[in-house]
Amino acid sequence: MQITIGELIALMGVPSAVTGFAFWAMKKWLNKRDKKIEEREKARTEMEYSIIQSINASLALGEATAHAVARIPDAHCNGDMHEALAFARDVKHRQKAMLTRLGIESLNND
């Protein structure tokens, strides 16, 4: 059996074409997967932002309520209310400091 040069080139081209197609399909699949991962990360970031905003709103509402109750003469605000208010303020300031630190670290790491 004799193979001409043209047949040899054709035979060598088939595996190369199949391999090229396989790599193209794999790259397309990986790009699609990476896009989904990026979309999930963006959604997770938005969710975390929303959670932090909700926490801040709850703390603000708690502080406002504590101040309003403390102004009521007949409320007889005990030490627990003042301790809770101080704790809420402390948590709010620690959270703000942590988020500021994380933001600065993020800017420096990029």
PDB file of N, CA and C in Angstrom:
ATOM      1  N   MET A   1       0.842  -1.166   0.000  1.00  0.00           N
ATOM      2  CA  MET A   1       0.000   0.000   0.000  1.00  0.00           C
ATOM      3  C   MET A   1       0.895   1.240   0.000  1.00  0.00           C
ATOM      4  N   GLN A   2       0.659   2.068  -0.942  1.00  0.00           N
ATOM      5  CA  GLN A   2       1.448   3.284  -1.068  1.00  0.00           C
ATOM      6  C   GLN A   2       0.566   4.489  -0.811  1.00  0.00           C
ATOM      7  N   ILE A   3       1.125   5.439  -0.073  1.00  0.00           N
ATOM      8  CA  ILE A   3       0.397   6.668   0.233  1.00  0.00           C
ATOM      9  C   ILE A   3       1.144   7.810  -0.444  1.00  0.00           C
ATOM     10  N   THR A   4       0.390   8.571  -1.170  1.00  0.00           N
ATOM     11  CA  THR A   4       1.008   9.726  -1.820  1.00  0.00           C
ATOM     12  C   THR A   4       1.155  10.857  -0.805  1.00  0.00           C
ATOM     13  N   ILE A   5       1.921  11.839  -1.186  1.00  0.00           N
ATOM     14  CA  ILE A   5       2.153  12.978  -0.291  1.00  0.00           C
ATOM     15  C   ILE A   5       0.840  13.722  -0.042  1.00  0.00           C
ATOM     16  N   GLY A   6       0.014  13.840  -1.014  1.00  0.00           N
ATOM     17  CA  GLY A   6      -1.279  14.507  -0.840  1.00  0.00           C
ATOM     18  C   GLY A   6      -2.169  13.780   0.150  1.00  0.00           C
ATOM     19  N   GLU A   7      -2.172  12.424   0.041  1.00  0.00           N
ATOM     20  CA  GLU A   7      -2.967  11.638   0.982  1.00  0.00           C
ATOM     21  C   GLU A   7      -2.409  11.754   2.395  1.00  0.00           C
ATOM     22  N   LEU A   8      -1.079  11.770   2.507  1.00  0.00           N
ATOM     23  CA  LEU A   8      -0.432  11.898   3.818  1.00  0.00           C
ATOM     24  C   LEU A   8      -0.794  13.232   4.477  1.00  0.00           C
ATOM     25  N   ILE A   9      -0.760  14.290   3.683  1.00  0.00           N
ATOM     26  CA  ILE A   9      -1.119  15.618   4.217  1.00  0.00           C
ATOM     27  C   ILE A   9      -2.582  15.630   4.649  1.00  0.00           C
ATOM     28  N   ALA A  10      -3.453  15.014   3.843  1.00  0.00           N
ATOM     29  CA  ALA A  10      -4.877  14.945   4.195  1.00  0.00           C
ATOM     30  C   ALA A  10      -5.083  14.148   5.467  1.00  0.00           C
ATOM     31  N   LEU A  11      -4.362  13.017   5.603  1.00  0.00           N
ATOM     32  CA  LEU A  11      -4.495  12.204   6.814  1.00  0.00           C
ATOM     33  C   LEU A  11      -3.984  12.937   8.052  1.00  0.00           C
ATOM     34  N   MET A  12      -2.941  13.722   7.902  1.00  0.00           N
ATOM     35  CA  MET A  12      -2.402  14.474   9.043  1.00  0.00           C
ATOM     36  C   MET A  12      -3.323  15.642   9.405  1.00  0.00           C
ATOM     37  N   GLY A  13      -4.043  16.161   8.443  1.00  0.00           N
ATOM     38  CA  GLY A  13      -4.924  17.298   8.699  1.00  0.00           C
ATOM     39  C   GLY A  13      -6.165  16.941   9.472  1.00  0.00           C
ATOM     40  N   VAL A  14      -6.673  15.705   9.330  1.00  0.00           N
ATOM     41  CA  VAL A  14      -7.895  15.294  10.022  1.00  0.00           C
ATOM     42  C   VAL A  14      -7.708  15.321  11.541  1.00  0.00           C
ATOM     43  N   PRO A  15      -6.669  14.665  12.099  1.00  0.00           N
ATOM     44  CA  PRO A  15      -6.501  14.736  13.557  1.00  0.00           C
ATOM     45  C   PRO A  15      -6.267  16.171  14.053  1.00  0.00           C
ATOM     46  N   SER A  16      -5.546  16.946  13.279  1.00  0.00           N
ATOM     47  CA  SER A  16      -5.301  18.334  13.685  1.00  0.00           C
ATOM     48  C   SER A  16      -6.609  19.122  13.721  1.00  0.00           C
ATOM     49  N   ALA A  17      -7.459  18.888  12.734  1.00  0.00           N
ATOM     50  CA  ALA A  17      -8.745  19.583  12.705  1.00  0.00           C
ATOM     51  C   ALA A  17      -9.624  19.156  13.876  1.00  0.00           C
ATOM     52  N   VAL A  18      -9.638  17.863  14.183  1.00  0.00           N
ATOM     53  CA  VAL A  18     -10.434  17.362  15.309  1.00  0.00           C
ATOM     54  C   VAL A  18      -9.911  17.936  16.613  1.00  0.00           C
ATOM     55  N   THR A  19      -8.594  17.957  16.777  1.00  0.00           N
ATOM     56  CA  THR A  19      -7.988  18.515  17.991  1.00  0.00           C
ATOM     57  C   THR A  19      -8.290  20.009  18.097  1.00  0.00           C
ATOM     58  N   GLY A  20      -8.164  20.708  16.988  1.00  0.00           N
ATOM     59  CA  GLY A  20      -8.471  22.144  16.988  1.00  0.00           C
ATOM     60  C   GLY A  20      -9.916  22.409  17.364  1.00  0.00           C
ATOM     61  N   PHE A  21     -10.832  21.615  16.814  1.00  0.00           N
ATOM     62  CA  PHE A  21     -12.246  21.772  17.157  1.00  0.00           C
ATOM     63  C   PHE A  21     -12.488  21.489  18.634  1.00  0.00           C
ATOM     64  N   ALA A  22     -11.826  20.449  19.153  1.00  0.00           N
ATOM     65  CA  ALA A  22     -11.996  20.109  20.571  1.00  0.00           C
ATOM     66  C   ALA A  22     -11.519  21.245  21.467  1.00  0.00           C
ATOM     67  N   PHE A  23     -10.370  21.832  21.131  1.00  0.00           N
ATOM     68  CA  PHE A  23      -9.866  22.945  21.935  1.00  0.00           C
ATOM     69  C   PHE A  23     -10.773  24.173  21.816  1.00  0.00           C
ATOM     70  N   TRP A  24     -11.318  24.436  20.646  1.00  0.00           N
ATOM     71  CA  TRP A  24     -12.230  25.551  20.454  1.00  0.00           C
ATOM     72  C   TRP A  24     -13.490  25.355  21.303  1.00  0.00           C
ATOM     73  N   ALA A  25     -14.038  24.135  21.272  1.00  0.00           N
ATOM     74  CA  ALA A  25     -15.245  23.850  22.052  1.00  0.00           C
ATOM     75  C   ALA A  25     -14.970  23.978  23.551  1.00  0.00           C
ATOM     76  N   MET A  26     -13.797  23.512  23.988  1.00  0.00           N
ATOM     77  CA  MET A  26     -13.445  23.598  25.408  1.00  0.00           C
ATOM     78  C   MET A  26     -13.290  25.061  25.826  1.00  0.00           C
ATOM     79  N   LYS A  27     -12.646  25.857  24.978  1.00  0.00           N
ATOM     80  CA  LYS A  27     -12.468  27.274  25.298  1.00  0.00           C
ATOM     81  C   LYS A  27     -13.819  27.979  25.392  1.00  0.00           C
ATOM     82  N   LYS A  28     -14.722  27.660  24.476  1.00  0.00           N
ATOM     83  CA  LYS A  28     -16.055  28.259  24.504  1.00  0.00           C
ATOM     84  C   LYS A  28     -16.786  27.877  25.794  1.00  0.00           C
ATOM     85  N   TRP A  29     -16.693  26.612  26.202  1.00  0.00           N
ATOM     86  CA  TRP A  29     -17.330  26.147  27.419  1.00  0.00           C
ATOM     87  C   TRP A  29     -16.733  26.846  28.642  1.00  0.00           C
ATOM     88  N   LEU A  30     -15.406  26.979  28.690  1.00  0.00           N
ATOM     89  CA  LEU A  30     -14.752  27.641  29.827  1.00  0.00           C
ATOM     90  C   LEU A  30     -15.140  29.114  29.897  1.00  0.00           C
ATOM     91  N   ASN A  31     -15.221  29.785  28.760  1.00  0.00           N
ATOM     92  CA  ASN A  31     -15.635  31.195  28.759  1.00  0.00           C
ATOM     93  C   ASN A  31     -17.055  31.360  29.282  1.00  0.00           C
ATOM     94  N   LYS A  32     -17.939  30.452  28.891  1.00  0.00           N
ATOM     95  CA  LYS A  32     -19.329  30.495  29.357  1.00  0.00           C
ATOM     96  C   LYS A  32     -19.385  30.276  30.876  1.00  0.00           C
ATOM     97  N   ARG A  33     -18.591  29.322  31.361  1.00  0.00           N
ATOM     98  CA  ARG A  33     -18.546  29.040  32.798  1.00  0.00           C
ATOM     99  C   ARG A  33     -17.990  30.236  33.570  1.00  0.00           C
ATOM    100  N   ASP A  34     -16.920  30.848  33.050  1.00  0.00           N
ATOM    101  CA  ASP A  34     -16.336  32.014  33.707  1.00  0.00           C
ATOM    102  C   ASP A  34     -17.334  33.171  33.771  1.00  0.00           C
ATOM    103  N   LYS A  35     -18.131  33.336  32.731  1.00  0.00           N
ATOM    104  CA  LYS A  35     -19.133  34.403  32.726  1.00  0.00           C
ATOM    105  C   LYS A  35     -20.187  34.153  33.803  1.00  0.00           C
ATOM    106  N   LYS A  36     -20.610  32.891  33.961  1.00  0.00           N
ATOM    107  CA  LYS A  36     -21.584  32.562  35.006  1.00  0.00           C
ATOM    108  C   LYS A  36     -20.996  32.818  36.395  1.00  0.00           C
ATOM    109  N   ILE A  37     -19.725  32.461  36.575  1.00  0.00           N
ATOM    110  CA  ILE A  37     -19.066  32.681  37.869  1.00  0.00           C
ATOM    111  C   ILE A  37     -19.009  34.174  38.177  1.00  0.00           C
ATOM    112  N   GLU A  38     -18.670  34.992  37.180  1.00  0.00           N
ATOM    113  CA  GLU A  38     -18.623  36.444  37.381  1.00  0.00           C
ATOM    114  C   GLU A  38     -19.997  36.995  37.733  1.00  0.00           C
ATOM    115  N   GLU A  39     -21.044  36.489  37.090  1.00  0.00           N
ATOM    116  CA  GLU A  39     -22.409  36.943  37.386  1.00  0.00           C
ATOM    117  C   GLU A  39     -22.796  36.569  38.812  1.00  0.00           C
ATOM    118  N   ARG A  40     -22.416  35.364  39.260  1.00  0.00           N
ATOM    119  CA  ARG A  40     -22.714  34.947  40.643  1.00  0.00           C
ATOM    120  C   ARG A  40     -21.979  35.827  41.640  1.00  0.00           C
ATOM    121  N   GLU A  41     -20.706  36.132  41.361  1.00  0.00           N
ATOM    122  CA  GLU A  41     -19.935  36.981  42.263  1.00  0.00           C
ATOM    123  C   GLU A  41     -20.541  38.383  42.355  1.00  0.00           C
ATOM    124  N   LYS A  42     -21.004  38.894  41.219  1.00  0.00           N
ATOM    125  CA  LYS A  42     -21.635  40.216  41.221  1.00  0.00           C
ATOM    126  C   LYS A  42     -22.931  40.178  42.046  1.00  0.00           C
ATOM    127  N   ALA A  43     -23.721  39.126  41.865  1.00  0.00           N
ATOM    128  CA  ALA A  43     -24.966  38.987  42.631  1.00  0.00           C
ATOM    129  C   ALA A  43     -24.670  38.843  44.123  1.00  0.00           C
ATOM    130  N   ARG A  44     -23.621  38.086  44.464  1.00  0.00           N
ATOM    131  CA  ARG A  44     -23.250  37.917  45.870  1.00  0.00           C
ATOM    132  C   ARG A  44     -22.806  39.250  46.470  1.00  0.00           C
ATOM    133  N   THR A  45     -22.060  40.039  45.706  1.00  0.00           N
ATOM    134  CA  THR A  45     -21.631  41.355  46.177  1.00  0.00           C
ATOM    135  C   THR A  45     -22.833  42.255  46.429  1.00  0.00           C
ATOM    136  N   GLU A  46     -23.787  42.245  45.517  1.00  0.00           N
ATOM    137  CA  GLU A  46     -25.001  43.052  45.693  1.00  0.00           C
ATOM    138  C   GLU A  46     -25.785  42.599  46.919  1.00  0.00           C
ATOM    139  N   MET A  47     -25.859  41.280  47.137  1.00  0.00           N
ATOM    140  CA  MET A  47     -26.577  40.756  48.294  1.00  0.00           C
ATOM    141  C   MET A  47     -25.885  41.183  49.592  1.00  0.00           C
ATOM    142  N   GLU A  48     -24.549  41.089  49.639  1.00  0.00           N
ATOM    143  CA  GLU A  48     -23.817  41.489  50.834  1.00  0.00           C
ATOM    144  C   GLU A  48     -24.006  42.978  51.104  1.00  0.00           C
ATOM    145  N   TYR A  49     -23.999  43.779  50.051  1.00  0.00           N
ATOM    146  CA  TYR A  49     -24.236  45.215  50.205  1.00  0.00           C
ATOM    147  C   TYR A  49     -25.628  45.463  50.783  1.00  0.00           C
ATOM    148  N   SER A  50     -26.606  44.749  50.274  1.00  0.00           N
ATOM    149  CA  SER A  50     -27.979  44.893  50.757  1.00  0.00           C
ATOM    150  C   SER A  50     -28.090  44.480  52.225  1.00  0.00           C
ATOM    151  N   ILE A  51     -27.416  43.409  52.599  1.00  0.00           N
ATOM    152  CA  ILE A  51     -27.443  42.954  53.994  1.00  0.00           C
ATOM    153  C   ILE A  51     -26.827  44.007  54.909  1.00  0.00           C
ATOM    154  N   ILE A  52     -25.695  44.576  54.501  1.00  0.00           N
ATOM    155  CA  ILE A  52     -25.041  45.599  55.328  1.00  0.00           C
ATOM    156  C   ILE A  52     -25.937  46.833  55.447  1.00  0.00           C
ATOM    157  N   GLN A  53     -26.590  47.222  54.353  1.00  0.00           N
ATOM    158  CA  GLN A  53     -27.511  48.354  54.412  1.00  0.00           C
ATOM    159  C   GLN A  53     -28.677  48.058  55.355  1.00  0.00           C
ATOM    160  N   SER A  54     -29.171  46.826  55.330  1.00  0.00           N
ATOM    161  CA  SER A  54     -30.270  46.442  56.227  1.00  0.00           C
ATOM    162  C   SER A  54     -29.828  46.489  57.681  1.00  0.00           C
ATOM    163  N   ILE A  55     -28.628  46.038  57.942  1.00  0.00           N
ATOM    164  CA  ILE A  55     -28.091  46.092  59.313  1.00  0.00           C
ATOM    165  C   ILE A  55     -27.972  47.543  59.766  1.00  0.00           C
ATOM    166  N   ASN A  56     -27.445  48.387  58.885  1.00  0.00           N
ATOM    167  CA  ASN A  56     -27.322  49.806  59.239  1.00  0.00           C
ATOM    168  C   ASN A  56     -28.688  50.443  59.496  1.00  0.00           C
ATOM    169  N   ALA A  57     -29.673  50.087  58.694  1.00  0.00           N
ATOM    170  CA  ALA A  57     -31.018  50.620  58.901  1.00  0.00           C
ATOM    171  C   ALA A  57     -31.589  50.143  60.233  1.00  0.00           C
ATOM    172  N   SER A  58     -31.370  48.881  60.566  1.00  0.00           N
ATOM    173  CA  SER A  58     -31.857  48.348  61.842  1.00  0.00           C
ATOM    174  C   SER A  58     -31.195  49.040  63.020  1.00  0.00           C
ATOM    175  N   LEU A  59     -29.883  49.254  62.917  1.00  0.00           N
ATOM    176  CA  LEU A  59     -29.180  49.960  63.993  1.00  0.00           C
ATOM    177  C   LEU A  59     -29.698  51.389  64.130  1.00  0.00           C
ATOM    178  N   ALA A  60     -29.910  52.060  63.024  1.00  0.00           N
ATOM    179  CA  ALA A  60     -30.421  53.441  63.078  1.00  0.00           C
ATOM    180  C   ALA A  60     -31.809  53.478  63.703  1.00  0.00           C
ATOM    181  N   LEU A  61     -32.644  52.529  63.318  1.00  0.00           N
ATOM    182  CA  LEU A  61     -33.988  52.467  63.882  1.00  0.00           C
ATOM    183  C   LEU A  61     -33.934  52.160  65.383  1.00  0.00           C
ATOM    184  N   GLY A  62     -33.069  51.248  65.779  1.00  0.00           N
ATOM    185  CA  GLY A  62     -32.923  50.922  67.197  1.00  0.00           C
ATOM    186  C   GLY A  62     -32.443  52.117  68.002  1.00  0.00           C
ATOM    187  N   GLU A  63     -31.470  52.837  67.449  1.00  0.00           N
ATOM    188  CA  GLU A  63     -30.970  54.036  68.132  1.00  0.00           C
ATOM    189  C   GLU A  63     -32.066  55.094  68.258  1.00  0.00           C
ATOM    190  N   ALA A  64     -32.783  55.321  67.181  1.00  0.00           N
ATOM    191  CA  ALA A  64     -33.853  56.319  67.211  1.00  0.00           C
ATOM    192  C   ALA A  64     -34.929  55.930  68.217  1.00  0.00           C
ATOM    193  N   THR A  65     -35.269  54.648  68.254  1.00  0.00           N
ATOM    194  CA  THR A  65     -36.278  54.179  69.204  1.00  0.00           C
ATOM    195  C   THR A  65     -35.800  54.354  70.641  1.00  0.00           C
ATOM    196  N   ALA A  66     -34.538  54.020  70.883  1.00  0.00           N
ATOM    197  CA  ALA A  66     -33.990  54.161  72.233  1.00  0.00           C
ATOM    198  C   ALA A  66     -34.001  55.616  72.672  1.00  0.00           C
ATOM    199  N   HIS A  67     -33.621  56.500  71.766  1.00  0.00           N
ATOM    200  CA  HIS A  67     -33.643  57.930  72.109  1.00  0.00           C
ATOM    201  C   HIS A  67     -35.066  58.416  72.355  1.00  0.00           C
ATOM    202  N   ALA A  68     -36.004  57.962  71.552  1.00  0.00           N
ATOM    203  CA  ALA A  68     -37.401  58.377  71.729  1.00  0.00           C
ATOM    204  C   ALA A  68     -37.960  57.867  73.050  1.00  0.00           C
ATOM    205  N   VAL A  69     -37.677  56.622  73.383  1.00  0.00           N
ATOM    206  CA  VAL A  69     -38.169  56.052  74.636  1.00  0.00           C
ATOM    207  C   VAL A  69     -37.524  56.763  75.825  1.00  0.00           C
ATOM    208  N   ALA A  70     -36.247  57.089  75.701  1.00  0.00           N
ATOM    209  CA  ALA A  70     -35.552  57.772  76.802  1.00  0.00           C
ATOM    210  C   ALA A  70     -36.146  59.154  77.068  1.00  0.00           C
ATOM    211  N   ARG A  71     -36.744  59.785  76.063  1.00  0.00           N
ATOM    212  CA  ARG A  71     -37.328  61.121  76.242  1.00  0.00           C
ATOM    213  C   ARG A  71     -38.725  61.081  76.861  1.00  0.00           C
ATOM    214  N   ILE A  72     -39.329  59.924  76.922  1.00  0.00           N
ATOM    215  CA  ILE A  72     -40.673  59.809  77.500  1.00  0.00           C
ATOM    216  C   ILE A  72     -40.529  59.819  79.024  1.00  0.00           C
ATOM    217  N   PRO A  73     -41.158  60.770  79.674  1.00  0.00           N
ATOM    218  CA  PRO A  73     -40.975  60.891  81.130  1.00  0.00           C
ATOM    219  C   PRO A  73     -41.478  59.669  81.909  1.00  0.00           C
ATOM    220  N   ASP A  74     -42.544  59.051  81.466  1.00  0.00           N
ATOM    221  CA  ASP A  74     -43.112  57.926  82.205  1.00  0.00           C
ATOM    222  C   ASP A  74     -42.483  56.581  81.815  1.00  0.00           C
ATOM    223  N   ALA A  75     -41.507  56.575  80.908  1.00  0.00           N
ATOM    224  CA  ALA A  75     -40.942  55.317  80.410  1.00  0.00           C
ATOM    225  C   ALA A  75     -40.039  54.650  81.450  1.00  0.00           C
ATOM    226  N   HIS A  76     -39.477  55.399  82.341  1.00  0.00           N
ATOM    227  CA  HIS A  76     -38.563  54.870  83.357  1.00  0.00           C
ATOM    228  C   HIS A  76     -37.514  53.977  82.707  1.00  0.00           C
ATOM    229  N   CYS A  77     -36.774  54.594  81.829  1.00  0.00           N
ATOM    230  CA  CYS A  77     -35.735  53.893  81.069  1.00  0.00           C
ATOM    231  C   CYS A  77     -34.678  53.387  82.044  1.00  0.00           C
ATOM    232  N   ASN A  78     -34.462  52.071  82.035  1.00  0.00           N
ATOM    233  CA  ASN A  78     -33.487  51.506  82.962  1.00  0.00           C
ATOM    234  C   ASN A  78     -32.105  51.457  82.305  1.00  0.00           C
ATOM    235  N   GLY A  79     -31.162  50.916  83.019  1.00  0.00           N
ATOM    236  CA  GLY A  79     -29.789  50.833  82.528  1.00  0.00           C
ATOM    237  C   GLY A  79     -29.647  49.938  81.313  1.00  0.00           C
ATOM    238  N   ASP A  80     -30.562  48.967  81.154  1.00  0.00           N
ATOM    239  CA  ASP A  80     -30.480  48.064  79.997  1.00  0.00           C
ATOM    240  C   ASP A  80     -30.598  48.830  78.686  1.00  0.00           C
ATOM    241  N   MET A  81     -31.482  49.804  78.641  1.00  0.00           N
ATOM    242  CA  MET A  81     -31.674  50.591  77.416  1.00  0.00           C
ATOM    243  C   MET A  81     -30.402  51.355  77.089  1.00  0.00           C
ATOM    244  N   HIS A  82     -29.792  51.959  78.098  1.00  0.00           N
ATOM    245  CA  HIS A  82     -28.571  52.734  77.867  1.00  0.00           C
ATOM    246  C   HIS A  82     -27.419  51.817  77.452  1.00  0.00           C
ATOM    247  N   GLU A  83     -27.343  50.637  78.052  1.00  0.00           N
ATOM    248  CA  GLU A  83     -26.301  49.671  77.677  1.00  0.00           C
ATOM    249  C   GLU A  83     -26.510  49.174  76.246  1.00  0.00           C
ATOM    250  N   ALA A  84     -27.737  48.908  75.888  1.00  0.00           N
ATOM    251  CA  ALA A  84     -28.034  48.446  74.530  1.00  0.00           C
ATOM    252  C   ALA A  84     -27.708  49.528  73.511  1.00  0.00           C
ATOM    253  N   LEU A  85     -28.017  50.762  73.849  1.00  0.00           N
ATOM    254  CA  LEU A  85     -27.717  51.870  72.950  1.00  0.00           C
ATOM    255  C   LEU A  85     -26.206  52.028  72.778  1.00  0.00           C
ATOM    256  N   ALA A  86     -25.472  51.933  73.869  1.00  0.00           N
ATOM    257  CA  ALA A  86     -24.004  52.028  73.787  1.00  0.00           C
ATOM    258  C   ALA A  86     -23.435  50.868  72.973  1.00  0.00           C
ATOM    259  N   PHE A  87     -23.993  49.676  73.160  1.00  0.00           N
ATOM    260  CA  PHE A  87     -23.532  48.512  72.405  1.00  0.00           C
ATOM    261  C   PHE A  87     -23.813  48.688  70.906  1.00  0.00           C
ATOM    262  N   ALA A  88     -25.008  49.191  70.581  1.00  0.00           N
ATOM    263  CA  ALA A  88     -25.363  49.406  69.177  1.00  0.00           C
ATOM    264  C   ALA A  88     -24.423  50.421  68.531  1.00  0.00           C
ATOM    265  N   ARG A  89     -24.112  51.476  69.254  1.00  0.00           N
ATOM    266  CA  ARG A  89     -23.173  52.473  68.720  1.00  0.00           C
ATOM    267  C   ARG A  89     -21.792  51.860  68.507  1.00  0.00           C
ATOM    268  N   ASP A  90     -21.345  51.069  69.479  1.00  0.00           N
ATOM    269  CA  ASP A  90     -20.033  50.426  69.374  1.00  0.00           C
ATOM    270  C   ASP A  90     -19.981  49.492  68.167  1.00  0.00           C
ATOM    271  N   VAL A  91     -21.025  48.695  67.986  1.00  0.00           N
ATOM    272  CA  VAL A  91     -21.086  47.771  66.849  1.00  0.00           C
ATOM    273  C   VAL A  91     -21.074  48.548  65.536  1.00  0.00           C
ATOM    274  N   LYS A  92     -21.829  49.630  65.482  1.00  0.00           N
ATOM    275  CA  LYS A  92     -21.902  50.447  64.270  1.00  0.00           C
ATOM    276  C   LYS A  92     -20.527  51.011  63.914  1.00  0.00           C
ATOM    277  N   HIS A  93     -19.817  51.505  64.917  1.00  0.00           N
ATOM    278  CA  HIS A  93     -18.498  52.088  64.662  1.00  0.00           C
ATOM    279  C   HIS A  93     -17.469  51.012  64.291  1.00  0.00           C
ATOM    280  N   ARG A  94     -17.537  49.846  64.933  1.00  0.00           N
ATOM    281  CA  ARG A  94     -16.617  48.752  64.580  1.00  0.00           C
ATOM    282  C   ARG A  94     -16.888  48.256  63.160  1.00  0.00           C
ATOM    283  N   GLN A  95     -18.170  48.172  62.801  1.00  0.00           N
ATOM    284  CA  GLN A  95     -18.518  47.727  61.446  1.00  0.00           C
ATOM    285  C   GLN A  95     -18.005  48.732  60.418  1.00  0.00           C
ATOM    286  N   LYS A  96     -18.188  50.004  60.693  1.00  0.00           N
ATOM    287  CA  LYS A  96     -17.721  51.043  59.770  1.00  0.00           C
ATOM    288  C   LYS A  96     -16.200  50.988  59.630  1.00  0.00           C
ATOM    289  N   ALA A  97     -15.496  50.802  60.741  1.00  0.00           N
ATOM    290  CA  ALA A  97     -14.040  50.710  60.698  1.00  0.00           C
ATOM    291  C   ALA A  97     -13.590  49.480  59.902  1.00  0.00           C
ATOM    292  N   MET A  98     -14.269  48.347  60.111  1.00  0.00           N
ATOM    293  CA  MET A  98     -13.910  47.127  59.393  1.00  0.00           C
ATOM    294  C   MET A  98     -14.121  47.300  57.892  1.00  0.00           C
ATOM    295  N   LEU A  99     -15.272  47.870  57.500  1.00  0.00           N
ATOM    296  CA  LEU A  99     -15.558  48.063  56.077  1.00  0.00           C
ATOM    297  C   LEU A  99     -14.575  49.045  55.449  1.00  0.00           C
ATOM    298  N   THR A 100     -14.194  50.064  56.187  1.00  0.00           N
ATOM    299  CA  THR A 100     -13.188  51.013  55.685  1.00  0.00           C
ATOM    300  C   THR A 100     -11.852  50.308  55.486  1.00  0.00           C
ATOM    301  N   ARG A 101     -11.449  49.499  56.468  1.00  0.00           N
ATOM    302  CA  ARG A 101     -10.184  48.761  56.364  1.00  0.00           C
ATOM    303  C   ARG A 101     -10.209  47.804  55.179  1.00  0.00           C
ATOM    304  N   LEU A 102     -11.316  47.066  55.019  1.00  0.00           N
ATOM    305  CA  LEU A 102     -11.429  46.131  53.899  1.00  0.00           C
ATOM    306  C   LEU A 102     -11.406  46.858  52.558  1.00  0.00           C
ATOM    307  N   GLY A 103     -12.040  48.013  52.497  1.00  0.00           N
ATOM    308  CA  GLY A 103     -12.026  48.797  51.270  1.00  0.00           C
ATOM    309  C   GLY A 103     -10.636  49.259  50.903  1.00  0.00           C
ATOM    310  N   ILE A 104      -9.901  49.727  51.893  1.00  0.00           N
ATOM    311  CA  ILE A 104      -8.529  50.193  51.646  1.00  0.00           C
ATOM    312  C   ILE A 104      -7.648  49.016  51.241  1.00  0.00           C
ATOM    313  N   GLU A 105      -7.791  47.880  51.929  1.00  0.00           N
ATOM    314  CA  GLU A 105      -7.009  46.696  51.561  1.00  0.00           C
ATOM    315  C   GLU A 105      -7.329  46.251  50.136  1.00  0.00           C
ATOM    316  N   SER A 106      -8.596  46.316  49.780  1.00  0.00           N
ATOM    317  CA  SER A 106      -9.010  45.928  48.434  1.00  0.00           C
ATOM    318  C   SER A 106      -8.396  46.842  47.384  1.00  0.00           C
ATOM    319  N   LEU A 107      -8.375  48.138  47.654  1.00  0.00           N
ATOM    320  CA  LEU A 107      -7.765  49.087  46.725  1.00  0.00           C
ATOM    321  C   LEU A 107      -6.263  48.845  46.578  1.00  0.00           C
ATOM    322  N   ASN A 108      -5.622  48.500  47.671  1.00  0.00           N
ATOM    323  CA  ASN A 108      -4.176  48.265  47.640  1.00  0.00           C
ATOM    324  C   ASN A 108      -3.804  46.944  47.000  1.00  0.00           C
ATOM    325  N   ASN A 109      -4.708  45.969  47.019  1.00  0.00           N
ATOM    326  CA  ASN A 109      -4.396  44.652  46.463  1.00  0.00           C
ATOM    327  C   ASN A 109      -4.677  44.563  44.975  1.00  0.00           C
ATOM    328  N   ASP A 110      -5.422  45.487  44.431  1.00  0.00           N
ATOM    329  CA  ASP A 110      -5.745  45.420  42.991  1.00  0.00           C
ATOM    330  C   ASP A 110      -4.678  46.011  42.175  1.00  0.00           C
TER     331      ASP A 110
END
